[in-house]
Amino acid sequence: MITLTITTSDKSEKKFKAVFTKPDGKTKTVHFGSSPHQDYTQHHNKDRRTLYRQRHEKDLKGDPMRAGYLSYYILWGNSTNIQTNIRSFKSKYNFV
């Protein structure tokens, strides 16, 4: 099982950093979320969320450990609460 930890990014242009730890101990770090722009967890505007999701749904192919997946499901997820979206994302893709 892959473990997922999300913290604030140390890159000024990104909001968060996701660290995926695989069973063999190897890690993959992905920075996501554009820091100068607001996301759904900040502005709570459902119309903007719908437009974002329509625009980016085509990018959801392949590896869920990519920044596009993280932004789509965590920053632009069904809830305005980021912790709720993180739990939902982990459950959807079987991350711990």
Protein backbone atom coordinates (compact mmCIF):
# COMPACT_ATOMS: atom_id res chain seq x y z
CA MET A 1 0.00 0.00 0.00
CA ILE A 2 1.22 3.52 -0.80
CA THR A 3 1.31 6.15 1.94
CA LEU A 4 0.41 9.74 1.05
CA THR A 5 1.46 12.77 3.11
CA ILE A 6 0.46 16.30 2.11
CA THR A 7 2.18 19.39 3.50
CA THR A 8 2.74 22.99 2.47
CA SER A 9 5.11 23.24 -0.49
CA ASP A 10 8.57 24.71 -0.09
CA LYS A 11 8.33 26.04 -3.66
CA SER A 12 7.00 29.61 -3.65
CA GLU A 13 4.89 29.10 -6.79
CA LYS A 14 3.13 25.98 -5.44
CA LYS A 15 0.65 25.51 -2.57
CA PHE A 16 1.20 21.92 -1.47
CA LYS A 17 3.63 19.04 -1.62
CA ALA A 18 2.47 15.42 -1.78
CA VAL A 19 4.92 12.70 -0.79
CA PHE A 20 4.00 9.19 -1.89
CA THR A 21 5.90 6.44 -0.08
CA LYS A 22 5.86 3.06 -1.80
CA PRO A 23 6.11 -0.27 0.07
CA ASP A 24 9.76 -0.63 -1.00
CA GLY A 25 10.56 2.67 0.76
CA LYS A 26 11.01 4.73 -2.39
CA THR A 27 9.28 8.11 -2.43
CA LYS A 28 7.81 10.33 -5.10
CA THR A 29 7.33 14.03 -4.37
CA VAL A 30 4.82 16.10 -6.32
CA HIS A 31 4.21 19.83 -5.85
CA PHE A 32 0.77 21.03 -6.88
CA GLY A 33 -1.57 24.02 -6.81
CA SER A 34 -0.62 27.40 -8.20
CA SER A 35 0.00 29.67 -5.22
CA PRO A 36 -1.04 32.99 -6.77
CA HIS A 37 -4.43 31.56 -7.81
CA GLN A 38 -7.40 30.71 -5.64
CA ASP A 39 -8.93 27.23 -5.76
CA TYR A 40 -12.36 25.92 -4.74
CA THR A 41 -11.32 25.41 -1.11
CA GLN A 42 -10.64 29.16 -0.95
CA HIS A 43 -13.31 30.86 -3.08
CA HIS A 44 -16.19 28.31 -2.65
CA ASN A 45 -17.61 29.21 -6.09
CA LYS A 46 -19.33 26.12 -7.57
CA ASP A 47 -19.52 27.63 -11.06
CA ARG A 48 -15.75 28.20 -11.14
CA ARG A 49 -15.22 24.66 -9.84
CA THR A 50 -17.43 23.24 -12.61
CA LEU A 51 -15.51 25.16 -15.27
CA TYR A 52 -12.14 24.04 -13.85
CA ARG A 53 -13.25 20.40 -13.76
CA GLN A 54 -14.60 20.53 -17.32
CA ARG A 55 -11.32 22.02 -18.51
CA HIS A 56 -9.09 19.51 -16.71
CA GLU A 57 -11.08 16.28 -16.79
CA LYS A 58 -9.24 15.26 -19.98
CA ASP A 59 -5.95 15.28 -18.01
CA LEU A 60 -7.06 12.48 -15.68
CA LYS A 61 -5.45 9.58 -17.48
CA GLY A 62 -2.88 7.22 -16.07
CA ASP A 63 -1.05 7.80 -12.81
CA PRO A 64 -3.07 9.31 -9.92
CA MET A 65 0.23 10.43 -8.37
CA ARG A 66 0.41 13.34 -10.82
CA ALA A 67 -0.19 16.99 -9.95
CA GLY A 68 -3.28 17.19 -12.15
CA TYR A 69 -5.03 14.49 -10.13
CA LEU A 70 -4.07 16.10 -6.84
CA SER A 71 -5.35 19.52 -7.90
CA TYR A 72 -8.54 18.12 -9.43
CA TYR A 73 -9.56 16.00 -6.44
CA ILE A 74 -8.06 17.92 -3.50
CA LEU A 75 -8.12 21.61 -4.42
CA TRP A 76 -11.17 21.40 -6.70
CA GLY A 77 -12.92 18.44 -5.05
CA ASN A 78 -16.52 18.04 -3.95
CA SER A 79 -15.98 19.82 -0.63
CA THR A 80 -14.65 23.23 0.28
CA ASN A 81 -12.84 21.50 3.15
CA ILE A 82 -9.39 20.40 2.06
CA GLN A 83 -9.13 17.66 4.72
CA THR A 84 -12.39 16.12 3.49
CA ASN A 85 -11.05 16.15 -0.07
CA ILE A 86 -7.74 14.57 1.02
CA ARG A 87 -9.59 11.74 2.79
CA SER A 88 -11.79 11.22 -0.27
CA PHE A 89 -8.77 11.14 -2.62
CA LYS A 90 -6.91 8.66 -0.42
CA SER A 91 -9.97 6.42 -0.27
CA LYS A 92 -10.59 6.61 -4.04
CA TYR A 93 -7.03 5.53 -4.91
CA ASN A 94 -6.31 3.29 -1.87
CA PHE A 95 -3.59 5.48 -0.39
CA VAL A 96 -3.01 5.45 3.36
